[in-house]
Amino acid sequence: SYYRNLIHQNNAFPKKDKHFLIEKMRSA
């Protein structure tokens, strides 16, 4: 749930990193 929450936080980290995290979440 930590990574799910990170995705929903706006401006928590760069857009490129957010897309990376979203892609890894989809893979999982």
mmCIF file of all heavy atoms, coordinates in Angstrom:
data_MODEL
# 
_entry.id   MODEL 
# 
loop_
_atom_site.group_PDB 
_atom_site.id 
_atom_site.type_symbol 
_atom_site.label_atom_id 
_atom_site.label_alt_id 
_atom_site.label_comp_id 
_atom_site.label_asym_id 
_atom_site.label_entity_id 
_atom_site.label_seq_id 
_atom_site.pdbx_PDB_ins_code 
_atom_site.Cartn_x 
_atom_site.Cartn_y 
_atom_site.Cartn_z 
_atom_site.occupancy 
_atom_site.B_iso_or_equiv 
_atom_site.pdbx_formal_charge 
_atom_site.auth_seq_id 
_atom_site.auth_comp_id 
_atom_site.auth_asym_id 
_atom_site.auth_atom_id 
_atom_site.pdbx_PDB_model_num 
ATOM 1   N N   . SER A 1 1  ? 0.828  -1.207 0.000   1.00 0.00 ? 1  SER A N   1 
ATOM 2   C CA  . SER A 1 1  ? 0.000  0.000  0.000   1.00 0.00 ? 1  SER A CA  1 
ATOM 3   C C   . SER A 1 1  ? 0.865  1.262  0.000   1.00 0.00 ? 1  SER A C   1 
ATOM 4   O O   . SER A 1 1  ? 0.422  2.329  -0.435  1.00 0.00 ? 1  SER A O   1 
ATOM 5   C CB  . SER A 1 1  ? -0.937 -0.001 1.207   1.00 0.00 ? 1  SER A CB  1 
ATOM 6   O OG  . SER A 1 1  ? -0.189 -0.051 2.405   1.00 0.00 ? 1  SER A OG  1 
ATOM 7   N N   . TYR A 1 2  ? 2.095  1.139  0.425   1.00 0.00 ? 2  TYR A N   1 
ATOM 8   C CA  . TYR A 1 2  ? 3.008  2.285  0.423   1.00 0.00 ? 2  TYR A CA  1 
ATOM 9   C C   . TYR A 1 2  ? 3.182  2.821  -0.997  1.00 0.00 ? 2  TYR A C   1 
ATOM 10  O O   . TYR A 1 2  ? 3.107  4.019  -1.233  1.00 0.00 ? 2  TYR A O   1 
ATOM 11  C CB  . TYR A 1 2  ? 4.358  1.875  1.018   1.00 0.00 ? 2  TYR A CB  1 
ATOM 12  C CG  . TYR A 1 2  ? 5.428  2.928  0.903   1.00 0.00 ? 2  TYR A CG  1 
ATOM 13  C CD1 . TYR A 1 2  ? 5.436  4.029  1.749   1.00 0.00 ? 2  TYR A CD1 1 
ATOM 14  C CD2 . TYR A 1 2  ? 6.431  2.824  -0.054  1.00 0.00 ? 2  TYR A CD2 1 
ATOM 15  C CE1 . TYR A 1 2  ? 6.409  5.008  1.634   1.00 0.00 ? 2  TYR A CE1 1 
ATOM 16  C CE2 . TYR A 1 2  ? 7.417  3.785  -0.180  1.00 0.00 ? 2  TYR A CE2 1 
ATOM 17  C CZ  . TYR A 1 2  ? 7.400  4.884  0.679   1.00 0.00 ? 2  TYR A CZ  1 
ATOM 18  O OH  . TYR A 1 2  ? 8.362  5.847  0.566   1.00 0.00 ? 2  TYR A OH  1 
ATOM 19  N N   . TYR A 1 3  ? 3.396  1.929  -1.946  1.00 0.00 ? 3  TYR A N   1 
ATOM 20  C CA  . TYR A 1 3  ? 3.596  2.350  -3.329  1.00 0.00 ? 3  TYR A CA  1 
ATOM 21  C C   . TYR A 1 3  ? 2.295  2.836  -3.959  1.00 0.00 ? 3  TYR A C   1 
ATOM 22  O O   . TYR A 1 3  ? 2.297  3.751  -4.773  1.00 0.00 ? 3  TYR A O   1 
ATOM 23  C CB  . TYR A 1 3  ? 4.213  1.212  -4.150  1.00 0.00 ? 3  TYR A CB  1 
ATOM 24  C CG  . TYR A 1 3  ? 5.607  0.898  -3.691  1.00 0.00 ? 3  TYR A CG  1 
ATOM 25  C CD1 . TYR A 1 3  ? 5.885  -0.258 -2.983  1.00 0.00 ? 3  TYR A CD1 1 
ATOM 26  C CD2 . TYR A 1 3  ? 6.643  1.789  -3.939  1.00 0.00 ? 3  TYR A CD2 1 
ATOM 27  C CE1 . TYR A 1 3  ? 7.159  -0.534 -2.535  1.00 0.00 ? 3  TYR A CE1 1 
ATOM 28  C CE2 . TYR A 1 3  ? 7.931  1.516  -3.500  1.00 0.00 ? 3  TYR A CE2 1 
ATOM 29  C CZ  . TYR A 1 3  ? 8.184  0.361  -2.801  1.00 0.00 ? 3  TYR A CZ  1 
ATOM 30  O OH  . TYR A 1 3  ? 9.454  0.103  -2.360  1.00 0.00 ? 3  TYR A OH  1 
ATOM 31  N N   . ARG A 1 4  ? 1.181  2.251  -3.566  1.00 0.00 ? 4  ARG A N   1 
ATOM 32  C CA  . ARG A 1 4  ? -0.116 2.750  -4.058  1.00 0.00 ? 4  ARG A CA  1 
ATOM 33  C C   . ARG A 1 4  ? -0.335 4.186  -3.600  1.00 0.00 ? 4  ARG A C   1 
ATOM 34  O O   . ARG A 1 4  ? -0.793 5.025  -4.368  1.00 0.00 ? 4  ARG A O   1 
ATOM 35  C CB  . ARG A 1 4  ? -1.254 1.874  -3.548  1.00 0.00 ? 4  ARG A CB  1 
ATOM 36  C CG  . ARG A 1 4  ? -1.325 0.536  -4.201  1.00 0.00 ? 4  ARG A CG  1 
ATOM 37  C CD  . ARG A 1 4  ? -2.481 -0.249 -3.637  1.00 0.00 ? 4  ARG A CD  1 
ATOM 38  N NE  . ARG A 1 4  ? -2.366 -1.617 -4.088  1.00 0.00 ? 4  ARG A NE  1 
ATOM 39  C CZ  . ARG A 1 4  ? -3.385 -2.358 -4.448  1.00 0.00 ? 4  ARG A CZ  1 
ATOM 40  N NH1 . ARG A 1 4  ? -4.585 -1.875 -4.392  1.00 0.00 ? 4  ARG A NH1 1 
ATOM 41  N NH2 . ARG A 1 4  ? -3.194 -3.590 -4.854  1.00 0.00 ? 4  ARG A NH2 1 
ATOM 42  N N   . ASN A 1 5  ? 0.008  4.460  -2.355  1.00 0.00 ? 5  ASN A N   1 
ATOM 43  C CA  . ASN A 1 5  ? -0.158 5.822  -1.828  1.00 0.00 ? 5  ASN A CA  1 
ATOM 44  C C   . ASN A 1 5  ? 0.784  6.799  -2.521  1.00 0.00 ? 5  ASN A C   1 
ATOM 45  O O   . ASN A 1 5  ? 0.426  7.955  -2.759  1.00 0.00 ? 5  ASN A O   1 
ATOM 46  C CB  . ASN A 1 5  ? 0.069  5.843  -0.317  1.00 0.00 ? 5  ASN A CB  1 
ATOM 47  C CG  . ASN A 1 5  ? -1.006 5.087  0.437   1.00 0.00 ? 5  ASN A CG  1 
ATOM 48  O OD1 . ASN A 1 5  ? -2.116 4.917  -0.064  1.00 0.00 ? 5  ASN A OD1 1 
ATOM 49  N ND2 . ASN A 1 5  ? -0.686 4.610  1.622   1.00 0.00 ? 5  ASN A ND2 1 
ATOM 50  N N   . LEU A 1 6  ? 1.995  6.364  -2.837  1.00 0.00 ? 6  LEU A N   1 
ATOM 51  C CA  . LEU A 1 6  ? 2.942  7.239  -3.534  1.00 0.00 ? 6  LEU A CA  1 
ATOM 52  C C   . LEU A 1 6  ? 2.402  7.684  -4.896  1.00 0.00 ? 6  LEU A C   1 
ATOM 53  O O   . LEU A 1 6  ? 2.579  8.831  -5.302  1.00 0.00 ? 6  LEU A O   1 
ATOM 54  C CB  . LEU A 1 6  ? 4.275  6.524  -3.739  1.00 0.00 ? 6  LEU A CB  1 
ATOM 55  C CG  . LEU A 1 6  ? 5.300  6.591  -2.623  1.00 0.00 ? 6  LEU A CG  1 
ATOM 56  C CD1 . LEU A 1 6  ? 6.550  5.805  -3.003  1.00 0.00 ? 6  LEU A CD1 1 
ATOM 57  C CD2 . LEU A 1 6  ? 5.672  8.009  -2.284  1.00 0.00 ? 6  LEU A CD2 1 
ATOM 58  N N   . ILE A 1 7  ? 1.752  6.776  -5.580  1.00 0.00 ? 7  ILE A N   1 
ATOM 59  C CA  . ILE A 1 7  ? 1.208  7.110  -6.908  1.00 0.00 ? 7  ILE A CA  1 
ATOM 60  C C   . ILE A 1 7  ? 0.148  8.192  -6.797  1.00 0.00 ? 7  ILE A C   1 
ATOM 61  O O   . ILE A 1 7  ? 0.056  9.080  -7.650  1.00 0.00 ? 7  ILE A O   1 
ATOM 62  C CB  . ILE A 1 7  ? 0.627  5.839  -7.580  1.00 0.00 ? 7  ILE A CB  1 
ATOM 63  C CG1 . ILE A 1 7  ? 1.770  4.917  -7.989  1.00 0.00 ? 7  ILE A CG1 1 
ATOM 64  C CG2 . ILE A 1 7  ? -0.236 6.186  -8.783  1.00 0.00 ? 7  ILE A CG2 1 
ATOM 65  C CD1 . ILE A 1 7  ? 1.335  3.581  -8.523  1.00 0.00 ? 7  ILE A CD1 1 
ATOM 66  N N   . HIS A 1 8  ? -0.636 8.165  -5.729  1.00 0.00 ? 8  HIS A N   1 
ATOM 67  C CA  . HIS A 1 8  ? -1.736 9.125  -5.584  1.00 0.00 ? 8  HIS A CA  1 
ATOM 68  C C   . HIS A 1 8  ? -1.294 10.469 -5.015  1.00 0.00 ? 8  HIS A C   1 
ATOM 69  O O   . HIS A 1 8  ? -2.088 11.408 -4.991  1.00 0.00 ? 8  HIS A O   1 
ATOM 70  C CB  . HIS A 1 8  ? -2.849 8.514  -4.738  1.00 0.00 ? 8  HIS A CB  1 
ATOM 71  C CG  . HIS A 1 8  ? -3.474 7.307  -5.377  1.00 0.00 ? 8  HIS A CG  1 
ATOM 72  N ND1 . HIS A 1 8  ? -3.976 7.309  -6.654  1.00 0.00 ? 8  HIS A ND1 1 
ATOM 73  C CD2 . HIS A 1 8  ? -3.653 6.045  -4.913  1.00 0.00 ? 8  HIS A CD2 1 
ATOM 74  C CE1 . HIS A 1 8  ? -4.439 6.123  -6.966  1.00 0.00 ? 8  HIS A CE1 1 
ATOM 75  N NE2 . HIS A 1 8  ? -4.251 5.316  -5.917  1.00 0.00 ? 8  HIS A NE2 1 
ATOM 76  N N   . GLN A 1 9  ? -0.055 10.558 -4.570  1.00 0.00 ? 9  GLN A N   1 
ATOM 77  C CA  . GLN A 1 9  ? 0.446  11.852 -4.061  1.00 0.00 ? 9  GLN A CA  1 
ATOM 78  C C   . GLN A 1 9  ? 0.864  12.724 -5.240  1.00 0.00 ? 9  GLN A C   1 
ATOM 79  O O   . GLN A 1 9  ? 1.636  12.294 -6.102  1.00 0.00 ? 9  GLN A O   1 
ATOM 80  C CB  . GLN A 1 9  ? 1.638  11.648 -3.131  1.00 0.00 ? 9  GLN A CB  1 
ATOM 81  C CG  . GLN A 1 9  ? 1.286  11.008 -1.816  1.00 0.00 ? 9  GLN A CG  1 
ATOM 82  C CD  . GLN A 1 9  ? 2.508  10.799 -0.940  1.00 0.00 ? 9  GLN A CD  1 
ATOM 83  O OE1 . GLN A 1 9  ? 3.618  11.211 -1.281  1.00 0.00 ? 9  GLN A OE1 1 
ATOM 84  N NE2 . GLN A 1 9  ? 2.310  10.154 0.198   1.00 0.00 ? 9  GLN A NE2 1 
ATOM 85  N N   . ASN A 1 10 ? 0.330  13.920 -5.285  1.00 0.00 ? 10 ASN A N   1 
ATOM 86  C CA  . ASN A 1 10 ? 0.694  14.853 -6.358  1.00 0.00 ? 10 ASN A CA  1 
ATOM 87  C C   . ASN A 1 10 ? 1.991  15.566 -6.022  1.00 0.00 ? 10 ASN A C   1 
ATOM 88  O O   . ASN A 1 10 ? 2.217  15.970 -4.885  1.00 0.00 ? 10 ASN A O   1 
ATOM 89  C CB  . ASN A 1 10 ? -0.426 15.872 -6.580  1.00 0.00 ? 10 ASN A CB  1 
ATOM 90  C CG  . ASN A 1 10 ? -1.659 15.223 -7.162  1.00 0.00 ? 10 ASN A CG  1 
ATOM 91  O OD1 . ASN A 1 10 ? -1.545 14.254 -7.907  1.00 0.00 ? 10 ASN A OD1 1 
ATOM 92  N ND2 . ASN A 1 10 ? -2.828 15.740 -6.817  1.00 0.00 ? 10 ASN A ND2 1 
ATOM 93  N N   . ASN A 1 11 ? 2.847  15.686 -6.996  1.00 0.00 ? 11 ASN A N   1 
ATOM 94  C CA  . ASN A 1 11 ? 4.126  16.404 -6.883  1.00 0.00 ? 11 ASN A CA  1 
ATOM 95  C C   . ASN A 1 11 ? 5.045  15.836 -5.810  1.00 0.00 ? 11 ASN A C   1 
ATOM 96  O O   . ASN A 1 11 ? 5.860  16.562 -5.254  1.00 0.00 ? 11 ASN A O   1 
ATOM 97  C CB  . ASN A 1 11 ? 3.880  17.899 -6.632  1.00 0.00 ? 11 ASN A CB  1 
ATOM 98  C CG  . ASN A 1 11 ? 3.066  18.528 -7.738  1.00 0.00 ? 11 ASN A CG  1 
ATOM 99  O OD1 . ASN A 1 11 ? 3.220  18.172 -8.912  1.00 0.00 ? 11 ASN A OD1 1 
ATOM 100 N ND2 . ASN A 1 11 ? 2.189  19.463 -7.381  1.00 0.00 ? 11 ASN A ND2 1 
ATOM 101 N N   . ALA A 1 12 ? 4.907  14.565 -5.484  1.00 0.00 ? 12 ALA A N   1 
ATOM 102 C CA  . ALA A 1 12 ? 5.780  13.951 -4.486  1.00 0.00 ? 12 ALA A CA  1 
ATOM 103 C C   . ALA A 1 12 ? 7.158  13.670 -5.082  1.00 0.00 ? 12 ALA A C   1 
ATOM 104 O O   . ALA A 1 12 ? 8.153  13.684 -4.364  1.00 0.00 ? 12 ALA A O   1 
ATOM 105 C CB  . ALA A 1 12 ? 5.167  12.654 -3.962  1.00 0.00 ? 12 ALA A CB  1 
ATOM 106 N N   . PHE A 1 13 ? 7.220  13.458 -6.391  1.00 0.00 ? 13 PHE A N   1 
ATOM 107 C CA  . PHE A 1 13 ? 8.479  13.185 -7.071  1.00 0.00 ? 13 PHE A CA  1 
ATOM 108 C C   . PHE A 1 13 ? 8.284  13.484 -8.550  1.00 0.00 ? 13 PHE A C   1 
ATOM 109 O O   . PHE A 1 13 ? 7.156  13.692 -9.008  1.00 0.00 ? 13 PHE A O   1 
ATOM 110 C CB  . PHE A 1 13 ? 8.949  11.747 -6.839  1.00 0.00 ? 13 PHE A CB  1 
ATOM 111 C CG  . PHE A 1 13 ? 7.873  10.706 -6.916  1.00 0.00 ? 13 PHE A CG  1 
ATOM 112 C CD1 . PHE A 1 13 ? 7.533  10.129 -8.124  1.00 0.00 ? 13 PHE A CD1 1 
ATOM 113 C CD2 . PHE A 1 13 ? 7.191  10.305 -5.777  1.00 0.00 ? 13 PHE A CD2 1 
ATOM 114 C CE1 . PHE A 1 13 ? 6.546  9.179  -8.203  1.00 0.00 ? 13 PHE A CE1 1 
ATOM 115 C CE2 . PHE A 1 13 ? 6.204  9.344  -5.857  1.00 0.00 ? 13 PHE A CE2 1 
ATOM 116 C CZ  . PHE A 1 13 ? 5.866  8.781  -7.071  1.00 0.00 ? 13 PHE A CZ  1 
ATOM 117 N N   . PRO A 1 14 ? 9.351  13.512 -9.318  1.00 0.00 ? 14 PRO A N   1 
ATOM 118 C CA  . PRO A 1 14 ? 9.259  13.879 -10.741 1.00 0.00 ? 14 PRO A CA  1 
ATOM 119 C C   . PRO A 1 14 ? 8.298  12.964 -11.522 1.00 0.00 ? 14 PRO A C   1 
ATOM 120 O O   . PRO A 1 14 ? 8.090  11.805 -11.176 1.00 0.00 ? 14 PRO A O   1 
ATOM 121 C CB  . PRO A 1 14 ? 10.683 13.714 -11.267 1.00 0.00 ? 14 PRO A CB  1 
ATOM 122 C CG  . PRO A 1 14 ? 11.548 13.783 -10.065 1.00 0.00 ? 14 PRO A CG  1 
ATOM 123 C CD  . PRO A 1 14 ? 10.730 13.278 -8.913  1.00 0.00 ? 14 PRO A CD  1 
ATOM 124 N N   . LYS A 1 15 ? 7.736  13.530 -12.601 1.00 0.00 ? 15 LYS A N   1 
ATOM 125 C CA  . LYS A 1 15 ? 6.758  12.825 -13.432 1.00 0.00 ? 15 LYS A CA  1 
ATOM 126 C C   . LYS A 1 15 ? 7.335  11.533 -14.017 1.00 0.00 ? 15 LYS A C   1 
ATOM 127 O O   . LYS A 1 15 ? 6.650  10.512 -14.105 1.00 0.00 ? 15 LYS A O   1 
ATOM 128 C CB  . LYS A 1 15 ? 6.305  13.763 -14.543 1.00 0.00 ? 15 LYS A CB  1 
ATOM 129 C CG  . LYS A 1 15 ? 5.080  13.312 -15.267 1.00 0.00 ? 15 LYS A CG  1 
ATOM 130 C CD  . LYS A 1 15 ? 4.610  14.406 -16.211 1.00 0.00 ? 15 LYS A CD  1 
ATOM 131 C CE  . LYS A 1 15 ? 3.261  14.045 -16.782 1.00 0.00 ? 15 LYS A CE  1 
ATOM 132 N NZ  . LYS A 1 15 ? 2.710  15.122 -17.595 1.00 0.00 ? 15 LYS A NZ  1 
ATOM 133 N N   . LYS A 1 16 ? 8.594  11.580 -14.402 1.00 0.00 ? 16 LYS A N   1 
ATOM 134 C CA  . LYS A 1 16 ? 9.266  10.402 -14.966 1.00 0.00 ? 16 LYS A CA  1 
ATOM 135 C C   . LYS A 1 16 ? 9.286  9.258  -13.949 1.00 0.00 ? 16 LYS A C   1 
ATOM 136 O O   . LYS A 1 16 ? 9.013  8.100  -14.288 1.00 0.00 ? 16 LYS A O   1 
ATOM 137 C CB  . LYS A 1 16 ? 10.696 10.784 -15.375 1.00 0.00 ? 16 LYS A CB  1 
ATOM 138 C CG  . LYS A 1 16 ? 11.506 9.643  -15.949 1.00 0.00 ? 16 LYS A CG  1 
ATOM 139 C CD  . LYS A 1 16 ? 12.880 10.093 -16.363 1.00 0.00 ? 16 LYS A CD  1 
ATOM 140 C CE  . LYS A 1 16 ? 13.783 9.937  -15.164 1.00 0.00 ? 16 LYS A CE  1 
ATOM 141 N NZ  . LYS A 1 16 ? 15.203 10.147 -15.464 1.00 0.00 ? 16 LYS A NZ  1 
ATOM 142 N N   . ASP A 1 17 ? 9.563  9.571  -12.704 1.00 0.00 ? 17 ASP A N   1 
ATOM 143 C CA  . ASP A 1 17 ? 9.593  8.564  -11.645 1.00 0.00 ? 17 ASP A CA  1 
ATOM 144 C C   . ASP A 1 17 ? 8.195  8.011  -11.368 1.00 0.00 ? 17 ASP A C   1 
ATOM 145 O O   . ASP A 1 17 ? 8.018  6.816  -11.101 1.00 0.00 ? 17 ASP A O   1 
ATOM 146 C CB  . ASP A 1 17 ? 10.189 9.137  -10.365 1.00 0.00 ? 17 ASP A CB  1 
ATOM 147 C CG  . ASP A 1 17 ? 11.656 9.488  -10.512 1.00 0.00 ? 17 ASP A CG  1 
ATOM 148 O OD1 . ASP A 1 17 ? 12.290 8.982  -11.468 1.00 0.00 ? 17 ASP A OD1 1 
ATOM 149 O OD2 . ASP A 1 17 ? 12.174 10.259 -9.691  1.00 0.00 ? 17 ASP A OD2 1 
ATOM 150 N N   . LYS A 1 18 ? 7.206  8.903  -11.457 1.00 0.00 ? 18 LYS A N   1 
ATOM 151 C CA  . LYS A 1 18 ? 5.831  8.475  -11.219 1.00 0.00 ? 18 LYS A CA  1 
ATOM 152 C C   . LYS A 1 18 ? 5.391  7.498  -12.311 1.00 0.00 ? 18 LYS A C   1 
ATOM 153 O O   . LYS A 1 18 ? 4.754  6.474  -12.023 1.00 0.00 ? 18 LYS A O   1 
ATOM 154 C CB  . LYS A 1 18 ? 4.897  9.671  -11.171 1.00 0.00 ? 18 LYS A CB  1 
ATOM 155 C CG  . LYS A 1 18 ? 3.479  9.313  -10.792 1.00 0.00 ? 18 LYS A CG  1 
ATOM 156 C CD  . LYS A 1 18 ? 2.645  10.547 -10.540 1.00 0.00 ? 18 LYS A CD  1 
ATOM 157 C CE  . LYS A 1 18 ? 1.264  10.155 -10.049 1.00 0.00 ? 18 LYS A CE  1 
ATOM 158 N NZ  . LYS A 1 18 ? 0.493  11.304 -9.620  1.00 0.00 ? 18 LYS A NZ  1 
ATOM 159 N N   . HIS A 1 19 ? 5.741  7.776  -13.562 1.00 0.00 ? 19 HIS A N   1 
ATOM 160 C CA  . HIS A 1 19 ? 5.407  6.868  -14.655 1.00 0.00 ? 19 HIS A CA  1 
ATOM 161 C C   . HIS A 1 19 ? 6.104  5.516  -14.471 1.00 0.00 ? 19 HIS A C   1 
ATOM 162 O O   . HIS A 1 19 ? 5.514  4.478  -14.748 1.00 0.00 ? 19 HIS A O   1 
ATOM 163 C CB  . HIS A 1 19 ? 5.781  7.482  -16.013 1.00 0.00 ? 19 HIS A CB  1 
ATOM 164 C CG  . HIS A 1 19 ? 4.846  8.550  -16.454 1.00 0.00 ? 19 HIS A CG  1 
ATOM 165 N ND1 . HIS A 1 19 ? 3.529  8.315  -16.731 1.00 0.00 ? 19 HIS A ND1 1 
ATOM 166 C CD2 . HIS A 1 19 ? 5.047  9.876  -16.666 1.00 0.00 ? 19 HIS A CD2 1 
ATOM 167 C CE1 . HIS A 1 19 ? 2.941  9.433  -17.098 1.00 0.00 ? 19 HIS A CE1 1 
ATOM 168 N NE2 . HIS A 1 19 ? 3.844  10.405 -17.056 1.00 0.00 ? 19 HIS A NE2 1 
ATOM 169 N N   . PHE A 1 20 ? 7.340  5.548  -14.015 1.00 0.00 ? 20 PHE A N   1 
ATOM 170 C CA  . PHE A 1 20 ? 8.071  4.303  -13.738 1.00 0.00 ? 20 PHE A CA  1 
ATOM 171 C C   . PHE A 1 20 ? 7.341  3.486  -12.677 1.00 0.00 ? 20 PHE A C   1 
ATOM 172 O O   . PHE A 1 20 ? 7.137  2.280  -12.830 1.00 0.00 ? 20 PHE A O   1 
ATOM 173 C CB  . PHE A 1 20 ? 9.502  4.623  -13.279 1.00 0.00 ? 20 PHE A CB  1 
ATOM 174 C CG  . PHE A 1 20 ? 10.280 3.420  -12.849 1.00 0.00 ? 20 PHE A CG  1 
ATOM 175 C CD1 . PHE A 1 20 ? 10.890 2.595  -13.799 1.00 0.00 ? 20 PHE A CD1 1 
ATOM 176 C CD2 . PHE A 1 20 ? 10.405 3.091  -11.502 1.00 0.00 ? 20 PHE A CD2 1 
ATOM 177 C CE1 . PHE A 1 20 ? 11.604 1.479  -13.410 1.00 0.00 ? 20 PHE A CE1 1 
ATOM 178 C CE2 . PHE A 1 20 ? 11.120 1.978  -11.113 1.00 0.00 ? 20 PHE A CE2 1 
ATOM 179 C CZ  . PHE A 1 20 ? 11.725 1.168  -12.068 1.00 0.00 ? 20 PHE A CZ  1 
ATOM 180 N N   . LEU A 1 21 ? 6.930  4.159  -11.606 1.00 0.00 ? 21 LEU A N   1 
ATOM 181 C CA  . LEU A 1 21 ? 6.235  3.489  -10.510 1.00 0.00 ? 21 LEU A CA  1 
ATOM 182 C C   . LEU A 1 21 ? 4.890  2.927  -10.979 1.00 0.00 ? 21 LEU A C   1 
ATOM 183 O O   . LEU A 1 21 ? 4.523  1.800  -10.628 1.00 0.00 ? 21 LEU A O   1 
ATOM 184 C CB  . LEU A 1 21 ? 6.034  4.454  -9.342  1.00 0.00 ? 21 LEU A CB  1 
ATOM 185 C CG  . LEU A 1 21 ? 5.480  3.878  -8.050  1.00 0.00 ? 21 LEU A CG  1 
ATOM 186 C CD1 . LEU A 1 21 ? 6.372  2.766  -7.540  1.00 0.00 ? 21 LEU A CD1 1 
ATOM 187 C CD2 . LEU A 1 21 ? 5.346  4.971  -7.007  1.00 0.00 ? 21 LEU A CD2 1 
ATOM 188 N N   . ILE A 1 22 ? 4.177  3.695  -11.795 1.00 0.00 ? 22 ILE A N   1 
ATOM 189 C CA  . ILE A 1 22 ? 2.891  3.219  -12.320 1.00 0.00 ? 22 ILE A CA  1 
ATOM 190 C C   . ILE A 1 22 ? 3.091  1.975  -13.176 1.00 0.00 ? 22 ILE A C   1 
ATOM 191 O O   . ILE A 1 22 ? 2.321  1.006  -13.079 1.00 0.00 ? 22 ILE A O   1 
ATOM 192 C CB  . ILE A 1 22 ? 2.181  4.345  -13.114 1.00 0.00 ? 22 ILE A CB  1 
ATOM 193 C CG1 . ILE A 1 22 ? 1.694  5.427  -12.156 1.00 0.00 ? 22 ILE A CG1 1 
ATOM 194 C CG2 . ILE A 1 22 ? 1.020  3.787  -13.938 1.00 0.00 ? 22 ILE A CG2 1 
ATOM 195 C CD1 . ILE A 1 22 ? 1.193  6.689  -12.843 1.00 0.00 ? 22 ILE A CD1 1 
ATOM 196 N N   . GLU A 1 23 ? 4.117  1.979  -14.010 1.00 0.00 ? 23 GLU A N   1 
ATOM 197 C CA  . GLU A 1 23 ? 4.388  0.827  -14.871 1.00 0.00 ? 23 GLU A CA  1 
ATOM 198 C C   . GLU A 1 23 ? 4.737  -0.414 -14.035 1.00 0.00 ? 23 GLU A C   1 
ATOM 199 O O   . GLU A 1 23 ? 4.277  -1.530 -14.332 1.00 0.00 ? 23 GLU A O   1 
ATOM 200 C CB  . GLU A 1 23 ? 5.527  1.147  -15.843 1.00 0.00 ? 23 GLU A CB  1 
ATOM 201 C CG  . GLU A 1 23 ? 5.809  0.060  -16.836 1.00 0.00 ? 23 GLU A CG  1 
ATOM 202 C CD  . GLU A 1 23 ? 4.610  -0.302 -17.695 1.00 0.00 ? 23 GLU A CD  1 
ATOM 203 O OE1 . GLU A 1 23 ? 3.799  0.593  -18.025 1.00 0.00 ? 23 GLU A OE1 1 
ATOM 204 O OE2 . GLU A 1 23 ? 4.466  -1.491 -18.023 1.00 0.00 ? 23 GLU A OE2 1 
ATOM 205 N N   . LYS A 1 24 ? 5.528  -0.237 -13.001 1.00 0.00 ? 24 LYS A N   1 
ATOM 206 C CA  . LYS A 1 24 ? 5.886  -1.367 -12.137 1.00 0.00 ? 24 LYS A CA  1 
ATOM 207 C C   . LYS A 1 24 ? 4.662  -1.875 -11.363 1.00 0.00 ? 24 LYS A C   1 
ATOM 208 O O   . LYS A 1 24 ? 4.520  -3.079 -11.137 1.00 0.00 ? 24 LYS A O   1 
ATOM 209 C CB  . LYS A 1 24 ? 7.007  -0.993 -11.162 1.00 0.00 ? 24 LYS A CB  1 
ATOM 210 C CG  . LYS A 1 24 ? 8.320  -0.684 -11.859 1.00 0.00 ? 24 LYS A CG  1 
ATOM 211 C CD  . LYS A 1 24 ? 8.755  -1.834 -12.720 1.00 0.00 ? 24 LYS A CD  1 
ATOM 212 C CE  . LYS A 1 24 ? 9.958  -1.496 -13.557 1.00 0.00 ? 24 LYS A CE  1 
ATOM 213 N NZ  . LYS A 1 24 ? 10.316 -2.530 -14.507 1.00 0.00 ? 24 LYS A NZ  1 
ATOM 214 N N   . MET A 1 25 ? 3.783  -0.950 -10.991 1.00 0.00 ? 25 MET A N   1 
ATOM 215 C CA  . MET A 1 25 ? 2.552  -1.334 -10.291 1.00 0.00 ? 25 MET A CA  1 
ATOM 216 C C   . MET A 1 25 ? 1.669  -2.169 -11.230 1.00 0.00 ? 25 MET A C   1 
ATOM 217 O O   . MET A 1 25 ? 1.103  -3.188 -10.821 1.00 0.00 ? 25 MET A O   1 
ATOM 218 C CB  . MET A 1 25 ? 1.803  -0.097 -9.817  1.00 0.00 ? 25 MET A CB  1 
ATOM 219 C CG  . MET A 1 25 ? 0.588  -0.403 -8.972  1.00 0.00 ? 25 MET A CG  1 
ATOM 220 S SD  . MET A 1 25 ? 0.980  -1.137 -7.378  1.00 0.00 ? 25 MET A SD  1 
ATOM 221 C CE  . MET A 1 25 ? 1.675  0.252  -6.546  1.00 0.00 ? 25 MET A CE  1 
ATOM 222 N N   . ARG A 1 26 ? 1.578  -1.767 -12.500 1.00 0.00 ? 26 ARG A N   1 
ATOM 223 C CA  . ARG A 1 26 ? 0.803  -2.537 -13.477 1.00 0.00 ? 26 ARG A CA  1 
ATOM 224 C C   . ARG A 1 26 ? 1.399  -3.937 -13.661 1.00 0.00 ? 26 ARG A C   1 
ATOM 225 O O   . ARG A 1 26 ? 0.667  -4.921 -13.777 1.00 0.00 ? 26 ARG A O   1 
ATOM 226 C CB  . ARG A 1 26 ? 0.778  -1.812 -14.821 1.00 0.00 ? 26 ARG A CB  1 
ATOM 227 C CG  . ARG A 1 26 ? -0.156 -0.640 -14.848 1.00 0.00 ? 26 ARG A CG  1 
ATOM 228 C CD  . ARG A 1 26 ? -0.220 -0.031 -16.238 1.00 0.00 ? 26 ARG A CD  1 
ATOM 229 N NE  . ARG A 1 26 ? -0.991 1.196  -16.176 1.00 0.00 ? 26 ARG A NE  1 
ATOM 230 C CZ  . ARG A 1 26 ? -0.719 2.287  -16.853 1.00 0.00 ? 26 ARG A CZ  1 
ATOM 231 N NH1 . ARG A 1 26 ? 0.318  2.317  -17.692 1.00 0.00 ? 26 ARG A NH1 1 
ATOM 232 N NH2 . ARG A 1 26 ? -1.461 3.348  -16.742 1.00 0.00 ? 26 ARG A NH2 1 
ATOM 233 N N   . SER A 1 27 ? 2.711  -4.013 -13.712 1.00 0.00 ? 27 SER A N   1 
ATOM 234 C CA  . SER A 1 27 ? 3.371  -5.320 -13.856 1.00 0.00 ? 27 SER A CA  1 
ATOM 235 C C   . SER A 1 27 ? 3.068  -6.212 -12.655 1.00 0.00 ? 27 SER A C   1 
ATOM 236 O O   . SER A 1 27 ? 2.806  -7.417 -12.812 1.00 0.00 ? 27 SER A O   1 
ATOM 237 C CB  . SER A 1 27 ? 4.882  -5.142 -13.988 1.00 0.00 ? 27 SER A CB  1 
ATOM 238 O OG  . SER A 1 27 ? 5.201  -4.486 -15.168 1.00 0.00 ? 27 SER A OG  1 
ATOM 239 N N   . ALA A 1 28 ? 3.109  -5.639 -11.463 1.00 0.00 ? 28 ALA A N   1 
ATOM 240 C CA  . ALA A 1 28 ? 2.839  -6.408 -10.243 1.00 0.00 ? 28 ALA A CA  1 
ATOM 241 C C   . ALA A 1 28 ? 1.398  -6.905 -10.231 1.00 0.00 ? 28 ALA A C   1 
ATOM 242 O O   . ALA A 1 28 ? 1.136  -8.074 -9.915  1.00 0.00 ? 28 ALA A O   1 
ATOM 243 C CB  . ALA A 1 28 ? 3.126  -5.553 -9.010  1.00 0.00 ? 28 ALA A CB  1 
# 
